[in-house]
């Protein structure tokens, strides 16, 4: 599990997480579609506003 300096804001810590893990700068929040991989299968579905709200909370770092 990654650890972040307590002086960072949540936004700064999240940005560092995205960068360290090869995600887009905004974590993919602005993408129109999202891909889910299940083994060799890939499923695409719309990146709805409600999903983005939920994922933003999910993506907050915990220490």
PDB file of N, CA and C in Angstrom:
ATOM      1  N   UNK A   1       0.846  -1.176   0.000  1.00  0.00           N
ATOM      2  CA  UNK A   1       0.000   0.000   0.000  1.00  0.00           C
ATOM      3  C   UNK A   1       0.892   1.239   0.000  1.00  0.00           C
ATOM      4  N   UNK A   2       0.549   2.191  -0.820  1.00  0.00           N
ATOM      5  CA  UNK A   2       1.314   3.430  -0.914  1.00  0.00           C
ATOM      6  C   UNK A   2       1.052   4.310   0.303  1.00  0.00           C
ATOM      7  N   UNK A   3       2.060   5.085   0.656  1.00  0.00           N
ATOM      8  CA  UNK A   3       1.927   6.049   1.748  1.00  0.00           C
ATOM      9  C   UNK A   3       2.212   7.431   1.191  1.00  0.00           C
ATOM     10  N   UNK A   4       1.476   8.409   1.677  1.00  0.00           N
ATOM     11  CA  UNK A   4       1.588   9.774   1.178  1.00  0.00           C
ATOM     12  C   UNK A   4       1.930  10.715   2.312  1.00  0.00           C
ATOM     13  N   UNK A   5       2.684  11.737   1.984  1.00  0.00           N
ATOM     14  CA  UNK A   5       3.056  12.755   2.957  1.00  0.00           C
ATOM     15  C   UNK A   5       1.803  13.432   3.484  1.00  0.00           C
ATOM     16  N   UNK A   6       1.712  13.608   4.784  1.00  0.00           N
ATOM     17  CA  UNK A   6       0.547  14.238   5.398  1.00  0.00           C
ATOM     18  C   UNK A   6       0.340  15.683   4.942  1.00  0.00           C
ATOM     19  N   UNK A   7       1.375  16.300   4.398  1.00  0.00           N
ATOM     20  CA  UNK A   7       1.263  17.687   3.951  1.00  0.00           C
ATOM     21  C   UNK A   7       0.539  17.799   2.609  1.00  0.00           C
ATOM     22  N   UNK A   8       0.373  16.688   1.887  1.00  0.00           N
ATOM     23  CA  UNK A   8      -0.309  16.724   0.591  1.00  0.00           C
ATOM     24  C   UNK A   8      -1.813  16.886   0.777  1.00  0.00           C
ATOM     25  N   UNK A   9      -2.435  17.594  -0.152  1.00  0.00           N
ATOM     26  CA  UNK A   9      -3.898  17.620  -0.165  1.00  0.00           C
ATOM     27  C   UNK A   9      -4.374  16.293  -0.749  1.00  0.00           C
ATOM     28  N   UNK A  10      -5.656  15.991  -0.573  1.00  0.00           N
ATOM     29  CA  UNK A  10      -6.196  14.764  -1.154  1.00  0.00           C
ATOM     30  C   UNK A  10      -6.036  14.762  -2.668  1.00  0.00           C
ATOM     31  N   UNK A  11      -6.275  15.918  -3.283  1.00  0.00           N
ATOM     32  CA  UNK A  11      -6.127  16.024  -4.731  1.00  0.00           C
ATOM     33  C   UNK A  11      -4.702  15.761  -5.187  1.00  0.00           C
ATOM     34  N   UNK A  12      -3.728  16.284  -4.455  1.00  0.00           N
ATOM     35  CA  UNK A  12      -2.320  16.058  -4.807  1.00  0.00           C
ATOM     36  C   UNK A  12      -1.952  14.584  -4.654  1.00  0.00           C
ATOM     37  N   UNK A  13      -2.399  13.964  -3.560  1.00  0.00           N
ATOM     38  CA  UNK A  13      -2.107  12.551  -3.336  1.00  0.00           C
ATOM     39  C   UNK A  13      -2.752  11.693  -4.420  1.00  0.00           C
ATOM     40  N   UNK A  14      -3.981  12.015  -4.784  1.00  0.00           N
ATOM     41  CA  UNK A  14      -4.673  11.262  -5.828  1.00  0.00           C
ATOM     42  C   UNK A  14      -3.953  11.420  -7.162  1.00  0.00           C
ATOM     43  N   UNK A  15      -3.504  12.628  -7.488  1.00  0.00           N
ATOM     44  CA  UNK A  15      -2.757  12.858  -8.729  1.00  0.00           C
ATOM     45  C   UNK A  15      -1.471  12.040  -8.760  1.00  0.00           C
ATOM     46  N   UNK A  16      -0.774  11.973  -7.631  1.00  0.00           N
ATOM     47  CA  UNK A  16       0.454  11.172  -7.565  1.00  0.00           C
ATOM     48  C   UNK A  16       0.147   9.687  -7.752  1.00  0.00           C
ATOM     49  N   UNK A  17      -0.962   9.234  -7.190  1.00  0.00           N
ATOM     50  CA  UNK A  17      -1.376   7.841  -7.361  1.00  0.00           C
ATOM     51  C   UNK A  17      -1.643   7.548  -8.834  1.00  0.00           C
ATOM     52  N   UNK A  18      -2.402   8.428  -9.503  1.00  0.00           N
ATOM     53  CA  UNK A  18      -2.689   8.238 -10.926  1.00  0.00           C
ATOM     54  C   UNK A  18      -1.393   8.152 -11.729  1.00  0.00           C
ATOM     55  N   UNK A  19      -0.468   9.078 -11.474  1.00  0.00           N
ATOM     56  CA  UNK A  19       0.796   9.111 -12.202  1.00  0.00           C
ATOM     57  C   UNK A  19       1.609   7.842 -11.950  1.00  0.00           C
ATOM     58  N   UNK A  20       1.701   7.422 -10.699  1.00  0.00           N
ATOM     59  CA  UNK A  20       2.505   6.247 -10.348  1.00  0.00           C
ATOM     60  C   UNK A  20       1.934   4.950 -10.917  1.00  0.00           C
ATOM     61  N   UNK A  21       0.639   4.926 -11.198  1.00  0.00           N
ATOM     62  CA  UNK A  21      -0.006   3.699 -11.646  1.00  0.00           C
ATOM     63  C   UNK A  21      -0.437   3.725 -13.103  1.00  0.00           C
ATOM     64  N   UNK A  22       0.041   4.734 -13.857  1.00  0.00           N
ATOM     65  CA  UNK A  22      -0.185   4.775 -15.301  1.00  0.00           C
ATOM     66  C   UNK A  22      -1.585   5.159 -15.736  1.00  0.00           C
ATOM     67  N   UNK A  23      -2.330   5.852 -14.864  1.00  0.00           N
ATOM     68  CA  UNK A  23      -3.660   6.319 -15.236  1.00  0.00           C
ATOM     69  C   UNK A  23      -3.550   7.669 -15.933  1.00  0.00           C
ATOM     70  N   UNK A  24      -4.620   8.053 -16.610  1.00  0.00           N
ATOM     71  CA  UNK A  24      -4.671   9.383 -17.215  1.00  0.00           C
ATOM     72  C   UNK A  24      -4.559  10.432 -16.113  1.00  0.00           C
ATOM     73  N   UNK A  25      -4.201  11.645 -16.480  1.00  0.00           N
ATOM     74  CA  UNK A  25      -4.010  12.712 -15.501  1.00  0.00           C
ATOM     75  C   UNK A  25      -5.219  12.900 -14.601  1.00  0.00           C
ATOM     76  N   UNK A  26      -6.420  12.809 -15.169  1.00  0.00           N
ATOM     77  CA  UNK A  26      -7.633  12.989 -14.358  1.00  0.00           C
ATOM     78  C   UNK A  26      -8.223  11.652 -13.896  1.00  0.00           C
ATOM     79  N   UNK A  27      -7.459  10.585 -14.050  1.00  0.00           N
ATOM     80  CA  UNK A  27      -7.923   9.275 -13.617  1.00  0.00           C
ATOM     81  C   UNK A  27      -8.957   8.649 -14.527  1.00  0.00           C
ATOM     82  N   UNK A  28      -9.211   9.282 -15.658  1.00  0.00           N
ATOM     83  CA  UNK A  28     -10.207   8.769 -16.591  1.00  0.00           C
ATOM     84  C   UNK A  28     -11.609   9.286 -16.323  1.00  0.00           C
ATOM     85  N   UNK A  29     -11.754  10.233 -15.410  1.00  0.00           N
ATOM     86  CA  UNK A  29     -13.078  10.766 -15.074  1.00  0.00           C
ATOM     87  C   UNK A  29     -13.761  11.410 -16.277  1.00  0.00           C
ATOM     88  N   UNK A  30     -12.980  11.983 -17.182  1.00  0.00           N
ATOM     89  CA  UNK A  30     -13.573  12.671 -18.329  1.00  0.00           C
ATOM     90  C   UNK A  30     -13.823  11.749 -19.526  1.00  0.00           C
ATOM     91  N   UNK A  31     -13.408  10.496 -19.426  1.00  0.00           N
ATOM     92  CA  UNK A  31     -13.609   9.550 -20.534  1.00  0.00           C
ATOM     93  C   UNK A  31     -15.099   9.311 -20.770  1.00  0.00           C
ATOM     94  N   UNK A  32     -15.475   9.169 -22.026  1.00  0.00           N
ATOM     95  CA  UNK A  32     -16.886   8.895 -22.337  1.00  0.00           C
ATOM     96  C   UNK A  32     -17.248   7.449 -22.034  1.00  0.00           C
ATOM     97  N   UNK A  33     -16.285   6.544 -22.216  1.00  0.00           N
ATOM     98  CA  UNK A  33     -16.510   5.114 -22.000  1.00  0.00           C
ATOM     99  C   UNK A  33     -15.450   4.563 -21.056  1.00  0.00           C
ATOM    100  N   UNK A  34     -15.806   3.506 -20.345  1.00  0.00           N
ATOM    101  CA  UNK A  34     -14.910   2.831 -19.419  1.00  0.00           C
ATOM    102  C   UNK A  34     -14.837   1.369 -19.829  1.00  0.00           C
ATOM    103  N   UNK A  35     -13.659   0.776 -19.727  1.00  0.00           N
ATOM    104  CA  UNK A  35     -13.521  -0.645 -20.036  1.00  0.00           C
ATOM    105  C   UNK A  35     -13.299  -1.427 -18.746  1.00  0.00           C
ATOM    106  N   UNK A  36     -14.010  -2.511 -18.635  1.00  0.00           N
ATOM    107  CA  UNK A  36     -13.862  -3.441 -17.527  1.00  0.00           C
ATOM    108  C   UNK A  36     -13.279  -4.720 -18.102  1.00  0.00           C
ATOM    109  N   UNK A  37     -12.212  -5.208 -17.499  1.00  0.00           N
ATOM    110  CA  UNK A  37     -11.596  -6.450 -17.954  1.00  0.00           C
ATOM    111  C   UNK A  37     -11.919  -7.559 -16.973  1.00  0.00           C
ATOM    112  N   UNK A  38     -12.373  -8.667 -17.500  1.00  0.00           N
ATOM    113  CA  UNK A  38     -12.642  -9.871 -16.712  1.00  0.00           C
ATOM    114  C   UNK A  38     -11.937 -11.022 -17.414  1.00  0.00           C
ATOM    115  N   UNK A  39     -10.704 -11.298 -16.984  1.00  0.00           N
ATOM    116  CA  UNK A  39      -9.896 -12.291 -17.682  1.00  0.00           C
ATOM    117  C   UNK A  39      -9.630 -11.811 -19.090  1.00  0.00           C
ATOM    118  N   UNK A  40      -9.886 -12.637 -20.100  1.00  0.00           N
ATOM    119  CA  UNK A  40      -9.622 -12.228 -21.480  1.00  0.00           C
ATOM    120  C   UNK A  40     -10.741 -11.364 -22.075  1.00  0.00           C
ATOM    121  N   UNK A  41     -11.838 -11.212 -21.361  1.00  0.00           N
ATOM    122  CA  UNK A  41     -12.976 -10.447 -21.874  1.00  0.00           C
ATOM    123  C   UNK A  41     -12.889  -8.984 -21.471  1.00  0.00           C
ATOM    124  N   UNK A  42     -13.357  -8.125 -22.360  1.00  0.00           N
ATOM    125  CA  UNK A  42     -13.429  -6.689 -22.075  1.00  0.00           C
ATOM    126  C   UNK A  42     -14.848  -6.221 -22.338  1.00  0.00           C
ATOM    127  N   UNK A  43     -15.358  -5.422 -21.430  1.00  0.00           N
ATOM    128  CA  UNK A  43     -16.697  -4.868 -21.559  1.00  0.00           C
ATOM    129  C   UNK A  43     -16.583  -3.354 -21.507  1.00  0.00           C
ATOM    130  N   UNK A  44     -17.247  -2.673 -22.428  1.00  0.00           N
ATOM    131  CA  UNK A  44     -17.291  -1.222 -22.418  1.00  0.00           C
ATOM    132  C   UNK A  44     -18.652  -0.749 -21.955  1.00  0.00           C
ATOM    133  N   UNK A  45     -18.651   0.305 -21.140  1.00  0.00           N
ATOM    134  CA  UNK A  45     -19.920   0.885 -20.719  1.00  0.00           C
ATOM    135  C   UNK A  45     -19.730   2.386 -20.519  1.00  0.00           C
ATOM    136  N   UNK A  46     -20.830   3.151 -20.597  1.00  0.00           N
ATOM    137  CA  UNK A  46     -20.722   4.608 -20.484  1.00  0.00           C
ATOM    138  C   UNK A  46     -20.207   5.039 -19.116  1.00  0.00           C
ATOM    139  N   UNK A  47     -19.394   6.057 -19.123  1.00  0.00           N
ATOM    140  CA  UNK A  47     -18.854   6.639 -17.897  1.00  0.00           C
ATOM    141  C   UNK A  47     -19.834   7.714 -17.423  1.00  0.00           C
ATOM    142  N   UNK A  48     -20.912   7.293 -16.780  1.00  0.00           N
ATOM    143  CA  UNK A  48     -21.986   8.207 -16.388  1.00  0.00           C
ATOM    144  C   UNK A  48     -21.557   9.130 -15.246  1.00  0.00           C
ATOM    145  N   UNK A  49     -22.285  10.213 -15.085  1.00  0.00           N
ATOM    146  CA  UNK A  49     -21.985  11.173 -14.013  1.00  0.00           C
ATOM    147  C   UNK A  49     -22.066  10.501 -12.643  1.00  0.00           C
ATOM    148  N   UNK A  50     -23.021   9.609 -12.447  1.00  0.00           N
ATOM    149  CA  UNK A  50     -23.139   8.946 -11.145  1.00  0.00           C
ATOM    150  C   UNK A  50     -21.953   8.015 -10.898  1.00  0.00           C
ATOM    151  N   UNK A  51     -21.441   7.363 -11.934  1.00  0.00           N
ATOM    152  CA  UNK A  51     -20.262   6.519 -11.769  1.00  0.00           C
ATOM    153  C   UNK A  51     -19.052   7.365 -11.411  1.00  0.00           C
ATOM    154  N   UNK A  52     -18.881   8.496 -12.096  1.00  0.00           N
ATOM    155  CA  UNK A  52     -17.748   9.379 -11.818  1.00  0.00           C
ATOM    156  C   UNK A  52     -17.800   9.863 -10.370  1.00  0.00           C
ATOM    157  N   UNK A  53     -18.993  10.247  -9.869  1.00  0.00           N
ATOM    158  CA  UNK A  53     -19.110  10.683  -8.475  1.00  0.00           C
ATOM    159  C   UNK A  53     -18.689   9.577  -7.515  1.00  0.00           C
ATOM    160  N   UNK A  54     -19.138   8.369  -7.770  1.00  0.00           N
ATOM    161  CA  UNK A  54     -18.796   7.237  -6.896  1.00  0.00           C
ATOM    162  C   UNK A  54     -17.307   6.909  -6.961  1.00  0.00           C
ATOM    163  N   UNK A  55     -16.736   6.918  -8.168  1.00  0.00           N
ATOM    164  CA  UNK A  55     -15.329   6.563  -8.328  1.00  0.00           C
ATOM    165  C   UNK A  55     -14.424   7.627  -7.711  1.00  0.00           C
ATOM    166  N   UNK A  56     -14.819   8.888  -7.787  1.00  0.00           N
ATOM    167  CA  UNK A  56     -14.005   9.945  -7.156  1.00  0.00           C
ATOM    168  C   UNK A  56     -13.863   9.690  -5.662  1.00  0.00           C
ATOM    169  N   UNK A  57     -14.928   9.263  -5.011  1.00  0.00           N
ATOM    170  CA  UNK A  57     -14.849   8.937  -3.580  1.00  0.00           C
ATOM    171  C   UNK A  57     -14.016   7.681  -3.362  1.00  0.00           C
ATOM    172  N   UNK A  58     -14.215   6.694  -4.204  1.00  0.00           N
ATOM    173  CA  UNK A  58     -13.476   5.444  -4.101  1.00  0.00           C
ATOM    174  C   UNK A  58     -11.974   5.679  -4.261  1.00  0.00           C
ATOM    175  N   UNK A  59     -11.601   6.629  -5.121  1.00  0.00           N
ATOM    176  CA  UNK A  59     -10.202   6.874  -5.436  1.00  0.00           C
ATOM    177  C   UNK A  59      -9.459   7.705  -4.406  1.00  0.00           C
ATOM    178  N   UNK A  60     -10.131   8.171  -3.370  1.00  0.00           N
ATOM    179  CA  UNK A  60      -9.431   8.948  -2.352  1.00  0.00           C
ATOM    180  C   UNK A  60      -8.463   8.041  -1.607  1.00  0.00           C
ATOM    181  N   UNK A  61      -7.225   8.502  -1.420  1.00  0.00           N
ATOM    182  CA  UNK A  61      -6.240   7.667  -0.712  1.00  0.00           C
ATOM    183  C   UNK A  61      -6.608   7.521   0.767  1.00  0.00           C
ATOM    184  N   UNK A  62      -6.340   6.373   1.290  1.00  0.00           N
ATOM    185  CA  UNK A  62      -6.535   6.132   2.722  1.00  0.00           C
ATOM    186  C   UNK A  62      -5.194   5.847   3.334  1.00  0.00           C
ATOM    187  N   UNK A  63      -4.989   6.318   4.517  1.00  0.00           N
ATOM    188  CA  UNK A  63      -3.712   6.111   5.201  1.00  0.00           C
ATOM    189  C   UNK A  63      -3.930   5.388   6.498  1.00  0.00           C
TER     190      UNK A  63
END
